[in-house]
């Protein structure tokens, strides 16, 4: 039986039922399927679709890193399943995944890499080992409603000016007035007048300095580590989830033997490591009782995830959400109510104060780390934690939203 590594990207292909269709079709054709999600934006969609035990979302891997992971486990026929905004952006995404894999010294002749692009129902044959020709023909046979397309030529969108030490990275398939996201941080917006569907990021010494065809959001750049612009996975979007789930899924966090388990509070500046942290806690026989989140987008996205697990949250925000989440329009405190897990609270601070208070919370309460153990009466411990955070933020607090 032939094994296929299914690399799934984004929530759209899950919300629309296309991943389920793909898996059923492949299994019906006699393939053994292993499915894994690349990136973080589709993780809540996997839970909503009830597919967490079908699609691996436990790892914090970029799409090209999922390719590496499949190869290490002996799965060398990779089928990328995606639903991009447009056919052009679908081509650009597939090319980007393959380019990142090759740039990390991945051997082109070590795998077959084919893309099933649902936005325009096309199959792109990026790489194919001679021995896998039969597998490819079997796939095109069972997905007969998809049109075969030749891949675009793999070429770098990256240039370096050795005299100025400036580096340039062109991004295509960008719509006017879209957010540009690097490492989960909105670093800018494309121009309203963007007519050629592309922008170019310009960096120097690992820092972004300009967007040709758009504008930088300078205060967000502080959240980024030094960048290697050639290798970064860069996204553009209006919102991170363009489709709506048919239902909101839930996951029961195992509480078996709770009296013997460790109970912890965890600290998050970004949601990128939230799912791996949940897996880590389960592995070490511990529960996350409360998550402390810093920043408007982190708080809204984390809340949307945590309520599916029944984990409460203390969010620290200052009203500067970048609007990546449907439902956050003006950034008003009341808009966050729909993202609150039970028994949670959001603290609204004066503008540009959430990162500052977040650093104080991390240093003074979490001792510079990202988790602390809660002992004794858990409810009392969590109330004490809330009061300590409110005390640190007292002079900057302008509102509190609670559903306790």
Protein backbone atom coordinates (compact mmCIF):
# COMPACT_ATOMS: atom_id res chain seq x y z
CA UNK A 1 0.00 0.00 0.00
CA UNK A 2 1.42 3.40 -1.02
CA UNK A 3 1.85 6.00 1.73
CA UNK A 4 0.94 9.64 1.11
CA UNK A 5 2.02 12.45 3.40
CA UNK A 6 -0.81 14.99 3.40
CA UNK A 7 0.48 18.50 4.16
CA UNK A 8 -2.53 20.66 5.06
CA UNK A 9 -2.39 24.43 5.20
CA UNK A 10 -4.87 27.00 6.48
CA UNK A 11 -8.39 26.81 7.88
CA UNK A 12 -10.27 27.28 4.61
CA UNK A 13 -9.54 23.86 3.17
CA UNK A 14 -10.70 22.32 6.47
CA UNK A 15 -13.81 24.48 7.00
CA UNK A 16 -15.02 23.77 3.46
CA UNK A 17 -14.76 20.01 4.00
CA UNK A 18 -12.10 19.68 1.30
CA UNK A 19 -9.53 17.95 3.49
CA UNK A 20 -12.09 15.37 4.59
CA UNK A 21 -13.00 14.82 0.93
CA UNK A 22 -9.31 14.43 0.02
CA UNK A 23 -8.62 11.89 2.75
CA UNK A 24 -11.72 9.83 1.95
CA UNK A 25 -10.90 9.86 -1.77
CA UNK A 26 -7.29 8.78 -1.23
CA UNK A 27 -8.21 6.04 1.23
CA UNK A 28 -10.93 4.85 -1.14
CA UNK A 29 -8.26 4.55 -3.83
CA UNK A 30 -6.18 2.33 -1.56
CA UNK A 31 -3.64 4.84 -0.26
CA UNK A 32 -2.36 4.92 3.32
CA UNK A 33 -2.67 8.56 4.44
CA UNK A 34 -0.73 10.43 7.11
CA UNK A 35 -1.98 13.99 7.58
CA UNK A 36 -0.29 16.92 9.34
CA UNK A 37 -0.96 20.64 9.54
CA UNK A 38 1.69 23.17 8.57
CA UNK A 39 1.50 26.55 10.34
CA UNK A 40 -0.87 27.51 13.15
CA UNK A 41 -3.82 29.22 11.46
CA UNK A 42 -5.69 25.98 10.77
CA UNK A 43 -5.45 24.44 14.24
CA UNK A 44 -8.78 25.68 15.57
CA UNK A 45 -10.40 24.61 12.28
CA UNK A 46 -9.11 21.06 12.85
CA UNK A 47 -10.74 21.03 16.31
CA UNK A 48 -13.99 22.49 14.95
CA UNK A 49 -14.10 19.80 12.27
CA UNK A 50 -13.52 17.04 14.85
CA UNK A 51 -10.36 15.94 13.01
CA UNK A 52 -7.72 16.32 15.72
CA UNK A 53 -7.13 12.56 15.77
CA UNK A 54 -6.91 12.48 11.96
CA UNK A 55 -4.68 15.53 11.37
CA UNK A 56 -1.58 16.00 13.52
CA UNK A 57 -1.61 19.50 15.04
CA UNK A 58 0.63 18.72 18.01
CA UNK A 59 3.82 20.14 16.48
CA UNK A 60 4.77 23.77 15.92
CA UNK A 61 6.06 23.36 12.36
CA UNK A 62 6.07 25.56 9.28
CA UNK A 63 4.81 23.86 6.11
CA UNK A 64 8.34 23.24 4.77
CA UNK A 65 9.31 21.76 8.15
CA UNK A 66 6.39 19.32 7.90
CA UNK A 67 7.93 18.15 4.61
CA UNK A 68 11.20 17.49 6.48
CA UNK A 69 9.31 15.64 9.20
CA UNK A 70 7.55 13.38 6.70
CA UNK A 71 10.86 12.53 5.00
CA UNK A 72 12.48 11.65 8.34
CA UNK A 73 9.67 9.16 8.88
CA UNK A 74 10.12 7.61 5.45
CA UNK A 75 7.14 9.29 3.75
CA UNK A 76 8.50 10.75 0.52
CA UNK A 77 5.36 11.42 -1.54
CA UNK A 78 3.94 14.70 -0.22
CA UNK A 79 0.56 16.04 -1.29
CA UNK A 80 0.01 19.69 -0.33
CA UNK A 81 -3.69 20.45 0.15
CA UNK A 82 -4.47 24.17 0.09
CA UNK A 83 -7.25 26.67 -0.65
CA UNK A 84 -5.61 29.99 -1.47
CA UNK A 85 -7.27 33.35 -2.12
CA UNK A 86 -6.53 33.11 -5.85
CA UNK A 87 -4.86 30.71 -8.25
CA UNK A 88 -1.81 32.97 -8.38
CA UNK A 89 -1.41 33.00 -4.60
CA UNK A 90 -1.85 29.21 -4.61
CA UNK A 91 1.08 28.87 -7.01
CA UNK A 92 3.13 31.29 -4.91
CA UNK A 93 2.43 29.37 -1.73
CA UNK A 94 3.39 25.99 -3.17
CA UNK A 95 6.55 27.48 -4.65
CA UNK A 96 7.39 29.11 -1.30
CA UNK A 97 7.03 25.85 0.64
CA UNK A 98 9.24 23.98 -1.82
CA UNK A 99 11.77 26.83 -1.99
CA UNK A 100 12.08 26.94 1.81
CA UNK A 101 12.59 23.17 1.89
CA UNK A 102 15.36 23.34 -0.73
CA UNK A 103 17.02 26.39 0.88
CA UNK A 104 17.43 24.36 4.09
CA UNK A 105 19.54 21.88 2.09
CA UNK A 106 16.59 19.68 1.23
CA UNK A 107 17.40 17.48 -1.77
CA UNK A 108 14.97 17.90 -4.68
CA UNK A 109 15.42 14.27 -5.69
CA UNK A 110 14.50 13.00 -2.20
CA UNK A 111 10.75 13.47 -2.61
CA UNK A 112 7.74 13.80 -4.86
CA UNK A 113 5.81 17.02 -4.16
CA UNK A 114 2.38 17.62 -5.65
CA UNK A 115 -0.16 20.35 -4.82
CA UNK A 116 -3.93 19.91 -4.74
CA UNK A 117 -5.13 23.52 -4.96
CA UNK A 118 -8.84 23.85 -4.23
CA UNK A 119 -9.15 27.58 -4.98
CA UNK A 120 -9.22 26.83 -8.72
CA UNK A 121 -9.33 23.00 -8.53
CA UNK A 122 -5.93 22.38 -10.10
CA UNK A 123 -3.15 19.84 -9.53
CA UNK A 124 0.41 21.16 -9.71
CA UNK A 125 3.17 18.62 -10.29
CA UNK A 126 6.10 20.37 -8.61
CA UNK A 127 8.48 17.43 -8.25
CA UNK A 128 8.00 13.79 -9.20
CA UNK A 129 10.38 10.87 -8.84
CA UNK A 130 10.32 8.56 -11.87
CA UNK A 131 9.23 5.67 -9.62
CA UNK A 132 6.19 7.68 -8.46
CA UNK A 133 4.70 8.28 -11.91
CA UNK A 134 2.11 5.56 -11.28
CA UNK A 135 1.09 7.08 -7.94
CA UNK A 136 0.69 10.49 -9.58
CA UNK A 137 -1.47 9.07 -12.36
CA UNK A 138 -3.63 7.30 -9.81
CA UNK A 139 -4.11 10.60 -7.93
CA UNK A 140 -5.05 12.53 -11.08
CA UNK A 141 -7.44 9.71 -11.92
CA UNK A 142 -9.38 9.89 -8.65
CA UNK A 143 -9.32 13.72 -8.65
CA UNK A 144 -10.55 13.88 -12.23
CA UNK A 145 -12.36 17.17 -11.61
CA UNK A 146 -9.01 18.91 -11.15
CA UNK A 147 -7.05 20.31 -14.09
CA UNK A 148 -3.34 19.51 -14.30
CA UNK A 149 -1.04 22.52 -14.42
CA UNK A 150 2.66 22.85 -15.03
CA UNK A 151 4.57 24.31 -12.08
CA UNK A 152 6.13 27.74 -12.32
CA UNK A 153 9.92 27.74 -12.49
CA UNK A 154 11.46 27.76 -9.03
CA UNK A 155 13.35 31.01 -8.64
CA UNK A 156 14.34 33.19 -5.76
CA UNK A 157 12.29 36.31 -5.02
CA UNK A 158 15.20 37.47 -2.88
CA UNK A 159 17.92 39.95 -3.86
CA UNK A 160 20.82 41.53 -1.99
CA UNK A 161 22.54 44.84 -2.73
CA UNK A 162 26.10 44.31 -1.52
CA UNK A 163 26.90 48.03 -1.57
CA UNK A 164 23.97 49.20 0.59
CA UNK A 165 23.63 45.89 2.51
CA UNK A 166 19.90 46.06 1.79
CA UNK A 167 18.00 42.84 1.05
CA UNK A 168 14.74 42.63 -0.91
CA UNK A 169 11.98 40.02 -0.87
CA UNK A 170 9.13 40.21 -3.37
CA UNK A 171 5.71 38.90 -2.33
CA UNK A 172 3.13 38.21 -5.04
CA UNK A 173 -0.61 37.58 -4.93
CA UNK A 174 -1.16 40.52 -2.56
CA UNK A 175 -4.50 42.31 -2.67
CA UNK A 176 -4.87 46.05 -1.99
CA UNK A 177 -5.05 47.00 1.70
CA UNK A 178 -4.11 43.53 2.99
CA UNK A 179 -2.11 42.88 6.16
CA UNK A 180 1.41 41.54 5.76
CA UNK A 181 2.29 38.97 8.43
CA UNK A 182 5.79 37.76 9.38
CA UNK A 183 6.21 35.19 12.18
CA UNK A 184 2.63 35.84 13.29
CA UNK A 185 3.21 39.61 13.58
CA UNK A 186 1.40 42.12 11.34
CA UNK A 187 4.32 44.23 10.11
CA UNK A 188 2.51 46.35 7.55
CA UNK A 189 -0.26 46.89 5.04
CA UNK A 190 -0.25 46.79 1.27
CA UNK A 191 -1.26 50.03 -0.43
CA UNK A 192 -4.87 50.70 -1.43
CA UNK A 193 -3.45 51.63 -4.83
CA UNK A 194 -1.60 48.32 -5.19
CA UNK A 195 -2.45 47.41 -8.79
CA UNK A 196 0.14 44.73 -9.60
CA UNK A 197 -0.70 42.39 -6.67
CA UNK A 198 2.81 42.45 -5.21
CA UNK A 199 4.85 44.17 -2.53
CA UNK A 200 8.58 44.09 -1.75
CA UNK A 201 9.92 43.93 1.80
CA UNK A 202 13.25 45.67 2.37
CA UNK A 203 15.52 44.80 5.31
CA UNK A 204 18.94 45.73 6.62
CA UNK A 205 20.91 43.88 9.29
CA UNK A 206 17.92 41.63 10.04
CA UNK A 207 15.45 44.50 10.48
CA UNK A 208 12.66 45.59 8.16
CA UNK A 209 13.12 49.18 6.98
CA UNK A 210 10.58 49.61 4.18
CA UNK A 211 7.72 48.08 2.21
CA UNK A 212 7.64 48.97 -1.47
CA UNK A 213 3.93 49.01 -2.34
CA UNK A 214 2.82 49.32 1.28
CA UNK A 215 3.49 50.85 4.69
CA UNK A 216 5.26 49.49 7.77
CA UNK A 217 3.58 49.32 11.19
CA UNK A 218 6.72 50.40 13.04
CA UNK A 219 5.67 49.70 16.63
CA UNK A 220 4.94 46.07 15.72
CA UNK A 221 8.49 45.54 14.46
CA UNK A 222 9.72 45.49 18.06
CA UNK A 223 8.02 42.11 18.48
CA UNK A 224 10.16 40.47 15.79
CA UNK A 225 13.49 38.70 16.29
CA UNK A 226 16.27 39.38 13.74
CA UNK A 227 14.98 38.21 10.35
CA UNK A 228 16.46 36.17 7.56
CA UNK A 229 14.26 37.65 4.85
CA UNK A 230 15.16 34.96 2.34
CA UNK A 231 13.78 32.13 4.50
CA UNK A 232 10.83 33.71 6.33
CA UNK A 233 7.34 32.38 5.59
CA UNK A 234 5.40 35.57 4.86
CA UNK A 235 1.61 35.72 4.60
CA UNK A 236 -0.81 38.36 3.39
CA UNK A 237 -4.46 38.38 4.42
CA UNK A 238 -7.40 40.51 5.49
CA UNK A 239 -8.28 38.03 8.26
CA UNK A 240 -6.60 34.76 9.24
CA UNK A 241 -9.77 32.70 8.77
CA UNK A 242 -11.76 33.62 5.66
CA UNK A 243 -14.30 30.81 6.12
CA UNK A 244 -16.70 29.97 8.92
CA UNK A 245 -16.81 26.58 10.66
CA UNK A 246 -20.02 24.60 10.50
CA UNK A 247 -19.76 24.28 14.29
CA UNK A 248 -17.45 25.35 17.11
CA UNK A 249 -15.60 22.28 18.31
CA UNK A 250 -14.44 21.50 21.83
CA UNK A 251 -11.68 19.33 23.25
CA UNK A 252 -11.79 17.86 26.71
CA UNK A 253 -8.49 18.35 28.50
CA UNK A 254 -7.69 15.10 30.30
CA UNK A 255 -8.22 15.54 34.04
CA UNK A 256 -7.73 11.90 34.96
CA UNK A 257 -6.05 11.62 38.34
CA UNK A 258 -6.31 15.35 38.80
CA UNK A 259 -5.29 15.24 42.46
CA UNK A 260 -1.89 13.93 41.35
CA UNK A 261 -1.36 16.31 38.46
CA UNK A 262 0.58 19.55 38.48
CA UNK A 263 -1.47 22.67 37.84
CA UNK A 264 0.17 25.62 36.12
CA UNK A 265 -0.29 29.18 34.90
CA UNK A 266 1.38 29.87 31.54
CA UNK A 267 2.50 33.10 29.90
CA UNK A 268 2.14 33.86 26.16
CA UNK A 269 3.35 36.77 24.04
CA UNK A 270 2.29 34.86 20.90
CA UNK A 271 -0.05 31.96 20.15
CA UNK A 272 2.51 30.16 18.01
CA UNK A 273 3.58 27.89 20.89
CA UNK A 274 0.16 27.43 22.49
CA UNK A 275 -0.65 24.00 21.03
CA UNK A 276 2.83 22.59 21.69
CA UNK A 277 2.51 23.85 25.27
CA UNK A 278 -0.80 22.01 25.65
CA UNK A 279 0.86 18.82 24.38
CA UNK A 280 3.84 19.38 26.68
CA UNK A 281 1.59 19.81 29.72
CA UNK A 282 -0.26 16.58 28.91
CA UNK A 283 3.03 14.70 28.48
CA UNK A 284 4.33 15.79 31.89
CA UNK A 285 1.05 15.02 33.65
CA UNK A 286 0.16 18.69 34.16
CA UNK A 287 -2.77 20.99 33.39
CA UNK A 288 -2.80 24.60 32.26
CA UNK A 289 -5.31 26.15 34.65
CA UNK A 290 -4.94 29.71 33.34
CA UNK A 291 -3.15 31.41 30.45
CA UNK A 292 -1.86 34.97 30.73
CA UNK A 293 -1.78 36.57 27.26
CA UNK A 294 -0.17 39.84 26.17
CA UNK A 295 -1.45 41.91 23.25
CA UNK A 296 -4.77 42.36 21.49
CA UNK A 297 -4.30 39.88 18.65
CA UNK A 298 -2.63 37.29 20.87
CA UNK A 299 -5.47 37.61 23.40
CA UNK A 300 -8.28 37.28 20.87
CA UNK A 301 -6.68 34.36 19.00
CA UNK A 302 -5.64 32.58 22.22
CA UNK A 303 -9.10 33.08 23.71
CA UNK A 304 -10.68 31.57 20.60
CA UNK A 305 -8.44 28.51 21.08
CA UNK A 306 -8.57 28.22 24.87
CA UNK A 307 -12.38 28.28 25.08
CA UNK A 308 -12.34 25.10 22.99
CA UNK A 309 -10.30 23.48 25.77
CA UNK A 310 -12.15 25.07 28.70
CA UNK A 311 -8.98 26.86 29.90
CA UNK A 312 -9.48 30.28 31.48
CA UNK A 313 -7.48 33.34 30.48
CA UNK A 314 -6.19 36.66 31.81
CA UNK A 315 -5.65 38.91 28.78
CA UNK A 316 -3.72 42.18 28.78
CA UNK A 317 -4.60 44.50 25.87
CA UNK A 318 -4.29 48.15 24.90
CA UNK A 319 -6.73 48.40 21.98
CA UNK A 320 -4.31 48.22 19.05
CA UNK A 321 -5.61 45.03 17.41
CA UNK A 322 -4.57 44.64 13.79
CA UNK A 323 -7.93 43.20 12.81
CA UNK A 324 -6.74 39.72 11.80
CA UNK A 325 -9.68 38.16 13.64
CA UNK A 326 -13.23 38.45 12.35
CA UNK A 327 -15.25 40.19 15.08
CA UNK A 328 -12.55 42.64 16.16
CA UNK A 329 -13.33 45.78 14.20
CA UNK A 330 -12.91 48.88 16.39
CA UNK A 331 -10.85 47.18 19.10
CA UNK A 332 -13.44 48.14 21.74
CA UNK A 333 -13.17 46.08 24.92
CA UNK A 334 -16.71 44.71 24.50
CA UNK A 335 -15.74 43.05 21.20
CA UNK A 336 -13.52 40.62 23.09
CA UNK A 337 -16.45 39.12 25.01
CA UNK A 338 -17.07 36.49 22.31
CA UNK A 339 -13.46 35.30 22.60
CA UNK A 340 -13.49 34.83 26.38
CA UNK A 341 -13.30 31.31 27.82
CA UNK A 342 -15.42 30.80 30.98
CA UNK A 343 -14.17 32.53 34.16
CA UNK A 344 -11.79 34.79 32.24
CA UNK A 345 -10.87 38.45 32.36
CA UNK A 346 -9.41 41.01 29.94
CA UNK A 347 -7.60 44.07 31.24
CA UNK A 348 -7.62 47.10 28.93
CA UNK A 349 -4.67 49.46 29.34
CA UNK A 350 -3.75 52.87 28.02
CA UNK A 351 -2.33 52.88 24.47
CA UNK A 352 1.07 51.23 23.93
CA UNK A 353 1.27 49.86 27.48
CA UNK A 354 0.48 46.15 27.08
CA UNK A 355 4.04 45.12 26.18
CA UNK A 356 5.46 47.17 29.06
CA UNK A 357 3.09 45.68 31.65
CA UNK A 358 3.60 42.26 30.06
CA UNK A 359 7.34 42.48 30.74
CA UNK A 360 6.63 43.37 34.37
CA UNK A 361 4.25 40.42 34.74
CA UNK A 362 6.79 38.04 33.24
CA UNK A 363 9.65 39.29 35.42
CA UNK A 364 7.84 39.85 38.73
CA UNK A 365 5.23 37.07 38.68
CA UNK A 366 6.62 34.43 36.30
CA UNK A 367 10.23 35.01 37.46
CA UNK A 368 11.34 35.66 33.89
CA UNK A 369 9.95 32.34 32.65
CA UNK A 370 6.80 31.22 30.89
CA UNK A 371 5.08 29.11 33.54
CA UNK A 372 4.60 28.86 37.29
CA UNK A 373 3.15 26.04 39.35
CA UNK A 374 -0.07 26.64 41.30
CA UNK A 375 -0.27 24.85 44.63
CA UNK A 376 -3.07 24.46 47.15
CA UNK A 377 -6.48 26.02 46.54
CA UNK A 378 -6.46 26.61 42.76
CA UNK A 379 -9.34 29.10 42.74
CA UNK A 380 -7.61 31.19 45.40
CA UNK A 381 -4.30 30.95 43.51
CA UNK A 382 -5.92 32.23 40.31
CA UNK A 383 -7.67 35.08 42.14
CA UNK A 384 -4.35 36.05 43.72
CA UNK A 385 -2.74 35.99 40.27
CA UNK A 386 -5.44 38.30 38.88
CA UNK A 387 -4.99 40.74 41.77
CA UNK A 388 -1.20 40.78 41.39
CA UNK A 389 -1.52 41.54 37.66
CA UNK A 390 -4.14 44.23 38.29
CA UNK A 391 -1.86 45.79 40.91
CA UNK A 392 1.03 45.95 38.45
CA UNK A 393 -1.24 47.50 35.82
CA UNK A 394 -3.22 49.74 38.16
CA UNK A 395 -1.96 53.12 36.93
CA UNK A 396 -2.49 52.14 33.27
CA UNK A 397 -5.82 50.29 33.52
CA UNK A 398 -8.79 51.96 31.83
CA UNK A 399 -11.22 49.03 31.78
CA UNK A 400 -11.80 45.40 32.74
CA UNK A 401 -14.00 42.81 31.01
CA UNK A 402 -14.92 39.71 32.99
CA UNK A 403 -17.28 36.79 32.54
CA UNK A 404 -16.53 35.20 35.92
